[in-house]
Structure formats: C-alpha cells, structure tokens
Amino acid sequence: MASLSIRIDLDPDGRVGPGKIALLEAIARTGSISAAGRAMDMSYKRAWDLVDELGRIFDQPVVTSQAGGRHGGGARLTPFGEELIARYREIEQLAAAAVRPHLDALQANTPRGSLAAREGLPVRTG
C-alpha cells in the first residue's frame, strides 16, 4: 500500500523519474517508440520528446531508432539506456528498503492500516 516514488533531480532542468523509466522499459519491450507511447497512453511526439530529453540530460542517446519504411522502423535501448534503467531500479530498491519501517508506520495510521491492525491482520505495504 504505502510506496516510495523516486525522482532524481540531476540539475535544474534534468529529471528522471518513474514515467521516463517506464517509457524506456516499454521501448525495450515493444521495440518501438510509437508502440511504447501507445501502451502508456501518450502520443508519439510526447514519447519522442521524453526520449530526446533524456539524451540531452545525459549528453548521449538512450535509444537508437531506425526510420520506418518498407521494412518498418524500430527502436532499441542503447547500452547506456539499459544502464540508466538498471541504476534507477537499484536506487529505487535501496531507497524503499531503507524507508520501509517508516512507510509501514505511516500506513498503519491510515484508515485501512488501522482496520487491519484492529483485526490482527498484517499491514501490507508496497
């Protein structure tokens, strides 16, 4: 139930958070920026803008793409794009583990957490 959402502020204009990481993961799954955007209910332009923004933040591409045409286009993560996902997910896991007791305590003080405690049930978080 209680969970932690991580946003990394790299400079005043450079932010990486769960949405951009989910987009990269969707591109890796679908092999397409447009398909990843559709899967996330966003336009191709929005998806492309986010990918481009990540490339500008890190001064290197996170996705390589091939234009469409007779043989179709596609996109795949660069090695750095894969590393970005891995590092973000590791930061997320380490942070969640570090704050788990605090999240559990906060969750226990919500109406759902209080009900579970009164009924002797474990309070599930995350």
N, C-alpha and C. Protein backbone atom coordinates (compact mmCIF):
# COMPACT_ATOMS: atom_id res chain seq x y z
N MET A 1 0.82 -1.17 0.00
CA MET A 1 0.00 0.00 0.00
C MET A 1 0.87 1.25 0.00
N ALA A 2 1.57 1.54 1.08
CA ALA A 2 2.47 2.69 1.06
C ALA A 2 3.66 2.34 0.18
N SER A 3 4.05 3.27 -0.65
CA SER A 3 5.19 3.02 -1.52
C SER A 3 5.96 4.31 -1.70
N LEU A 4 7.11 4.16 -2.25
CA LEU A 4 8.01 5.29 -2.47
C LEU A 4 8.17 5.50 -3.96
N SER A 5 8.10 6.74 -4.38
CA SER A 5 8.33 7.08 -5.78
C SER A 5 9.57 7.95 -5.83
N ILE A 6 10.52 7.56 -6.68
CA ILE A 6 11.80 8.26 -6.74
C ILE A 6 11.86 9.14 -7.99
N ARG A 7 12.24 10.37 -7.79
CA ARG A 7 12.56 11.28 -8.89
C ARG A 7 13.95 11.81 -8.62
N ILE A 8 14.81 11.66 -9.60
CA ILE A 8 16.19 12.11 -9.46
C ILE A 8 16.33 13.44 -10.18
N ASP A 9 16.70 14.47 -9.43
CA ASP A 9 16.94 15.80 -9.99
C ASP A 9 18.43 15.92 -10.23
N LEU A 10 18.83 15.92 -11.49
CA LEU A 10 20.25 15.96 -11.83
C LEU A 10 20.76 17.39 -11.98
N ASP A 11 19.97 18.29 -12.40
CA ASP A 11 20.28 19.71 -12.48
C ASP A 11 18.94 20.42 -12.58
N PRO A 12 18.94 21.73 -12.69
CA PRO A 12 17.64 22.41 -12.68
C PRO A 12 16.65 21.90 -13.73
N ASP A 13 17.14 21.45 -14.87
CA ASP A 13 16.23 21.00 -15.91
C ASP A 13 16.29 19.51 -16.18
N GLY A 14 17.11 18.78 -15.46
CA GLY A 14 17.28 17.36 -15.72
C GLY A 14 16.67 16.48 -14.65
N ARG A 15 15.55 15.84 -15.00
CA ARG A 15 14.87 14.99 -14.03
C ARG A 15 14.61 13.62 -14.65
N VAL A 16 14.81 12.60 -13.83
CA VAL A 16 14.50 11.23 -14.25
C VAL A 16 13.61 10.65 -13.16
N GLY A 17 12.47 10.14 -13.59
CA GLY A 17 11.54 9.57 -12.63
C GLY A 17 10.87 8.33 -13.18
N PRO A 18 9.86 7.84 -12.49
CA PRO A 18 9.23 6.58 -12.87
C PRO A 18 8.61 6.59 -14.27
N GLY A 19 8.10 7.72 -14.73
CA GLY A 19 7.48 7.77 -16.04
C GLY A 19 8.49 7.59 -17.17
N LYS A 20 9.60 8.27 -17.09
CA LYS A 20 10.61 8.14 -18.13
C LYS A 20 11.23 6.74 -18.13
N ILE A 21 11.43 6.20 -16.96
CA ILE A 21 11.99 4.84 -16.87
C ILE A 21 10.99 3.84 -17.43
N ALA A 22 9.71 4.00 -17.10
CA ALA A 22 8.68 3.09 -17.64
C ALA A 22 8.63 3.20 -19.16
N LEU A 23 8.80 4.40 -19.70
CA LEU A 23 8.81 4.57 -21.16
C LEU A 23 9.99 3.80 -21.77
N LEU A 24 11.16 3.93 -21.19
CA LEU A 24 12.32 3.18 -21.70
C LEU A 24 12.07 1.68 -21.64
N GLU A 25 11.48 1.21 -20.55
CA GLU A 25 11.18 -0.22 -20.43
C GLU A 25 10.16 -0.64 -21.49
N ALA A 26 9.19 0.22 -21.78
CA ALA A 26 8.20 -0.09 -22.81
C ALA A 26 8.84 -0.12 -24.19
N ILE A 27 9.78 0.76 -24.44
CA ILE A 27 10.51 0.74 -25.71
C ILE A 27 11.30 -0.56 -25.83
N ALA A 28 11.94 -0.97 -24.76
CA ALA A 28 12.69 -2.23 -24.77
C ALA A 28 11.77 -3.41 -25.07
N ARG A 29 10.56 -3.40 -24.50
CA ARG A 29 9.59 -4.49 -24.71
C ARG A 29 9.02 -4.50 -26.12
N THR A 30 8.67 -3.31 -26.61
CA THR A 30 7.94 -3.24 -27.88
C THR A 30 8.84 -3.05 -29.09
N GLY A 31 10.05 -2.55 -28.88
CA GLY A 31 10.93 -2.28 -30.00
C GLY A 31 10.49 -1.07 -30.82
N SER A 32 9.71 -0.20 -30.19
CA SER A 32 9.15 0.93 -30.93
C SER A 32 8.81 2.07 -29.98
N ILE A 33 9.19 3.28 -30.37
CA ILE A 33 8.82 4.44 -29.56
C ILE A 33 7.31 4.68 -29.66
N SER A 34 6.75 4.54 -30.86
CA SER A 34 5.32 4.79 -31.00
C SER A 34 4.50 3.74 -30.27
N ALA A 35 4.89 2.47 -30.35
CA ALA A 35 4.15 1.42 -29.63
C ALA A 35 4.28 1.61 -28.13
N ALA A 36 5.45 2.01 -27.67
CA ALA A 36 5.64 2.26 -26.24
C ALA A 36 4.75 3.42 -25.80
N GLY A 37 4.71 4.48 -26.61
CA GLY A 37 3.85 5.61 -26.29
C GLY A 37 2.38 5.20 -26.23
N ARG A 38 1.94 4.44 -27.21
CA ARG A 38 0.54 3.97 -27.20
C ARG A 38 0.25 3.14 -25.95
N ALA A 39 1.19 2.27 -25.59
CA ALA A 39 0.99 1.42 -24.41
C ALA A 39 0.87 2.26 -23.13
N MET A 40 1.44 3.45 -23.17
CA MET A 40 1.40 4.33 -22.00
C MET A 40 0.40 5.48 -22.18
N ASP A 41 -0.46 5.37 -23.20
CA ASP A 41 -1.46 6.41 -23.47
C ASP A 41 -0.85 7.78 -23.69
N MET A 42 0.24 7.81 -24.46
CA MET A 42 0.82 9.10 -24.82
C MET A 42 1.09 9.12 -26.32
N SER A 43 1.16 10.29 -26.87
CA SER A 43 1.40 10.43 -28.30
C SER A 43 2.84 10.07 -28.62
N TYR A 44 3.05 9.78 -29.90
CA TYR A 44 4.41 9.51 -30.35
C TYR A 44 5.30 10.73 -30.07
N LYS A 45 4.77 11.93 -30.33
CA LYS A 45 5.56 13.14 -30.11
C LYS A 45 5.97 13.27 -28.66
N ARG A 46 5.06 13.01 -27.74
CA ARG A 46 5.38 13.10 -26.31
C ARG A 46 6.44 12.07 -25.95
N ALA A 47 6.28 10.84 -26.43
CA ALA A 47 7.26 9.79 -26.15
C ALA A 47 8.62 10.18 -26.72
N TRP A 48 8.64 10.65 -27.96
CA TRP A 48 9.90 11.05 -28.59
C TRP A 48 10.53 12.21 -27.82
N ASP A 49 9.73 13.19 -27.41
CA ASP A 49 10.26 14.33 -26.65
C ASP A 49 10.91 13.88 -25.34
N LEU A 50 10.31 12.91 -24.66
CA LEU A 50 10.88 12.41 -23.41
C LEU A 50 12.20 11.66 -23.66
N VAL A 51 12.24 10.87 -24.72
CA VAL A 51 13.47 10.16 -25.08
C VAL A 51 14.56 11.17 -25.43
N ASP A 52 14.19 12.18 -26.21
CA ASP A 52 15.14 13.22 -26.60
C ASP A 52 15.64 13.98 -25.37
N GLU A 53 14.74 14.27 -24.44
CA GLU A 53 15.11 14.97 -23.21
C GLU A 53 16.14 14.16 -22.42
N LEU A 54 15.93 12.86 -22.33
CA LEU A 54 16.90 12.02 -21.63
C LEU A 54 18.27 12.08 -22.31
N GLY A 55 18.27 12.07 -23.63
CA GLY A 55 19.52 12.17 -24.36
C GLY A 55 20.25 13.48 -24.10
N ARG A 56 19.49 14.57 -23.96
CA ARG A 56 20.09 15.87 -23.68
C ARG A 56 20.58 15.94 -22.24
N ILE A 57 19.83 15.36 -21.30
CA ILE A 57 20.25 15.37 -19.90
C ILE A 57 21.61 14.69 -19.75
N PHE A 58 21.77 13.55 -20.39
CA PHE A 58 22.98 12.76 -20.21
C PHE A 58 24.02 12.98 -21.31
N ASP A 59 23.69 13.81 -22.28
CA ASP A 59 24.59 14.10 -23.39
C ASP A 59 25.00 12.85 -24.16
N GLN A 60 24.09 11.90 -24.21
CA GLN A 60 24.27 10.70 -25.02
C GLN A 60 22.91 10.03 -25.21
N PRO A 61 22.74 9.33 -26.31
CA PRO A 61 21.43 8.73 -26.58
C PRO A 61 21.11 7.57 -25.63
N VAL A 62 19.83 7.45 -25.33
CA VAL A 62 19.36 6.31 -24.53
C VAL A 62 18.63 5.31 -25.42
N VAL A 63 18.26 5.76 -26.63
CA VAL A 63 17.54 4.93 -27.59
C VAL A 63 18.15 5.17 -28.97
N THR A 64 18.27 4.12 -29.74
CA THR A 64 18.60 4.27 -31.16
C THR A 64 17.36 3.88 -31.93
N SER A 65 17.09 4.63 -32.98
CA SER A 65 15.89 4.33 -33.76
C SER A 65 16.25 4.22 -35.23
N GLN A 66 15.41 3.48 -35.92
CA GLN A 66 15.54 3.31 -37.36
C GLN A 66 14.23 3.79 -37.97
N ALA A 67 14.34 4.65 -38.96
CA ALA A 67 13.14 5.21 -39.59
C ALA A 67 12.30 4.09 -40.20
N GLY A 68 11.00 4.31 -40.24
CA GLY A 68 10.08 3.35 -40.85
C GLY A 68 10.28 3.30 -42.36
N GLY A 69 9.44 2.60 -42.99
CA GLY A 69 9.55 2.43 -44.43
C GLY A 69 9.03 1.07 -44.82
N ARG A 70 9.52 0.60 -45.94
CA ARG A 70 9.03 -0.69 -46.43
C ARG A 70 9.31 -1.83 -45.46
N HIS A 71 10.45 -1.77 -44.80
CA HIS A 71 10.81 -2.83 -43.86
C HIS A 71 10.46 -2.48 -42.42
N GLY A 72 9.80 -1.37 -42.23
CA GLY A 72 9.40 -0.97 -40.89
C GLY A 72 10.54 -0.33 -40.13
N GLY A 73 10.22 0.38 -39.12
CA GLY A 73 11.22 1.04 -38.29
C GLY A 73 11.38 0.28 -37.00
N GLY A 74 11.92 0.95 -36.05
CA GLY A 74 12.08 0.32 -34.75
C GLY A 74 12.96 1.15 -33.86
N ALA A 75 13.04 0.75 -32.64
CA ALA A 75 13.88 1.43 -31.66
C ALA A 75 14.37 0.41 -30.66
N ARG A 76 15.55 0.67 -30.16
CA ARG A 76 16.09 -0.19 -29.09
C ARG A 76 16.91 0.68 -28.17
N LEU A 77 17.07 0.21 -26.97
CA LEU A 77 17.86 0.96 -25.99
C LEU A 77 19.33 0.85 -26.33
N THR A 78 20.04 1.93 -26.07
CA THR A 78 21.49 1.89 -26.15
C THR A 78 22.00 1.20 -24.88
N PRO A 79 23.25 0.80 -24.86
CA PRO A 79 23.80 0.26 -23.61
C PRO A 79 23.62 1.23 -22.44
N PHE A 80 23.77 2.54 -22.71
CA PHE A 80 23.55 3.50 -21.63
C PHE A 80 22.09 3.53 -21.20
N GLY A 81 21.16 3.41 -22.14
CA GLY A 81 19.74 3.36 -21.79
C GLY A 81 19.44 2.20 -20.87
N GLU A 82 20.03 1.04 -21.16
CA GLU A 82 19.86 -0.13 -20.30
C GLU A 82 20.48 0.12 -18.92
N GLU A 83 21.65 0.76 -18.91
CA GLU A 83 22.31 1.08 -17.64
C GLU A 83 21.48 2.06 -16.82
N LEU A 84 20.89 3.03 -17.48
CA LEU A 84 20.05 4.01 -16.80
C LEU A 84 18.89 3.33 -16.08
N ILE A 85 18.22 2.42 -16.76
CA ILE A 85 17.13 1.67 -16.14
C ILE A 85 17.64 0.89 -14.94
N ALA A 86 18.73 0.16 -15.13
CA ALA A 86 19.28 -0.68 -14.05
C ALA A 86 19.66 0.17 -12.84
N ARG A 87 20.33 1.29 -13.08
CA ARG A 87 20.74 2.15 -11.95
C ARG A 87 19.52 2.75 -11.25
N TYR A 88 18.54 3.20 -12.02
CA TYR A 88 17.33 3.77 -11.42
C TYR A 88 16.62 2.72 -10.57
N ARG A 89 16.43 1.52 -11.11
CA ARG A 89 15.73 0.48 -10.35
C ARG A 89 16.51 0.08 -9.10
N GLU A 90 17.83 0.10 -9.16
CA GLU A 90 18.63 -0.22 -7.98
C GLU A 90 18.47 0.87 -6.92
N ILE A 91 18.52 2.12 -7.34
CA ILE A 91 18.30 3.23 -6.41
C ILE A 91 16.93 3.10 -5.76
N GLU A 92 15.93 2.78 -6.57
CA GLU A 92 14.56 2.62 -6.09
C GLU A 92 14.47 1.52 -5.02
N GLN A 93 15.09 0.38 -5.29
CA GLN A 93 15.05 -0.74 -4.34
C GLN A 93 15.78 -0.41 -3.05
N LEU A 94 16.95 0.20 -3.16
CA LEU A 94 17.71 0.55 -1.95
C LEU A 94 16.97 1.58 -1.11
N ALA A 95 16.40 2.57 -1.76
CA ALA A 95 15.65 3.59 -1.02
C ALA A 95 14.41 3.00 -0.35
N ALA A 96 13.69 2.15 -1.07
CA ALA A 96 12.49 1.53 -0.50
C ALA A 96 12.83 0.68 0.71
N ALA A 97 13.91 -0.06 0.63
CA ALA A 97 14.32 -0.89 1.78
C ALA A 97 14.71 -0.01 2.97
N ALA A 98 15.37 1.10 2.70
CA ALA A 98 15.81 1.98 3.78
C ALA A 98 14.65 2.65 4.51
N VAL A 99 13.57 2.95 3.79
CA VAL A 99 12.46 3.66 4.41
C VAL A 99 11.29 2.75 4.78
N ARG A 100 11.39 1.45 4.55
CA ARG A 100 10.29 0.53 4.79
C ARG A 100 9.67 0.68 6.18
N PRO A 101 10.45 0.73 7.28
CA PRO A 101 9.81 0.87 8.59
C PRO A 101 8.98 2.15 8.71
N HIS A 102 9.44 3.22 8.10
CA HIS A 102 8.70 4.49 8.15
C HIS A 102 7.43 4.41 7.32
N LEU A 103 7.51 3.78 6.16
CA LEU A 103 6.30 3.61 5.34
C LEU A 103 5.29 2.74 6.05
N ASP A 104 5.76 1.66 6.68
CA ASP A 104 4.85 0.78 7.42
C ASP A 104 4.17 1.54 8.56
N ALA A 105 4.94 2.37 9.27
CA ALA A 105 4.36 3.14 10.37
C ALA A 105 3.32 4.13 9.87
N LEU A 106 3.63 4.79 8.77
CA LEU A 106 2.65 5.73 8.22
C LEU A 106 1.41 5.01 7.73
N GLN A 107 1.60 3.88 7.05
CA GLN A 107 0.47 3.12 6.54
C GLN A 107 -0.42 2.63 7.69
N ALA A 108 0.19 2.26 8.79
CA ALA A 108 -0.58 1.77 9.94
C ALA A 108 -1.51 2.84 10.50
N ASN A 109 -1.21 4.09 10.22
CA ASN A 109 -2.03 5.19 10.73
C ASN A 109 -3.09 5.66 9.74
N THR A 110 -3.27 4.94 8.66
CA THR A 110 -4.34 5.26 7.72
C THR A 110 -5.57 4.44 8.12
N PRO A 111 -6.73 4.81 7.62
CA PRO A 111 -7.93 4.03 7.97
C PRO A 111 -7.79 2.55 7.62
N ARG A 112 -7.24 2.24 6.48
CA ARG A 112 -7.08 0.83 6.08
C ARG A 112 -6.07 0.13 6.99
N GLY A 113 -4.96 0.81 7.31
CA GLY A 113 -3.95 0.22 8.19
C GLY A 113 -4.48 0.02 9.59
N SER A 114 -5.24 0.98 10.09
CA SER A 114 -5.83 0.86 11.43
C SER A 114 -6.80 -0.31 11.50
N LEU A 115 -7.61 -0.49 10.48
CA LEU A 115 -8.57 -1.59 10.43
C LEU A 115 -7.82 -2.93 10.46
N ALA A 116 -6.78 -3.05 9.67
CA ALA A 116 -6.01 -4.29 9.64
C ALA A 116 -5.40 -4.56 11.01
N ALA A 117 -4.88 -3.54 11.65
CA ALA A 117 -4.27 -3.72 12.97
C ALA A 117 -5.32 -4.17 13.99
N ARG A 118 -6.52 -3.55 13.95
CA ARG A 118 -7.57 -3.93 14.89
C ARG A 118 -8.01 -5.38 14.69
N GLU A 119 -7.97 -5.84 13.44
CA GLU A 119 -8.38 -7.20 13.15
C GLU A 119 -7.23 -8.20 13.24
N GLY A 120 -6.06 -7.71 13.66
CA GLY A 120 -4.92 -8.58 13.81
C GLY A 120 -4.32 -9.07 12.51
N LEU A 121 -4.58 -8.35 11.43
CA LEU A 121 -4.04 -8.72 10.12
C LEU A 121 -2.75 -7.97 9.86
N PRO A 122 -1.88 -8.55 9.08
CA PRO A 122 -0.66 -7.81 8.74
C PRO A 122 -1.01 -6.63 7.82
N VAL A 123 -0.30 -5.54 7.99
CA VAL A 123 -0.49 -4.39 7.12
C VAL A 123 0.47 -4.57 5.97
N ARG A 124 -0.11 -4.74 4.78
CA ARG A 124 0.71 -4.91 3.59
C ARG A 124 1.05 -3.56 3.00
N THR A 125 2.32 -3.38 2.69
CA THR A 125 2.75 -2.15 2.03
C THR A 125 3.53 -2.52 0.79
N GLY A 126 3.46 -1.62 -0.19
CA GLY A 126 4.24 -1.79 -1.42
C GLY A 126 3.80 -2.87 -2.30
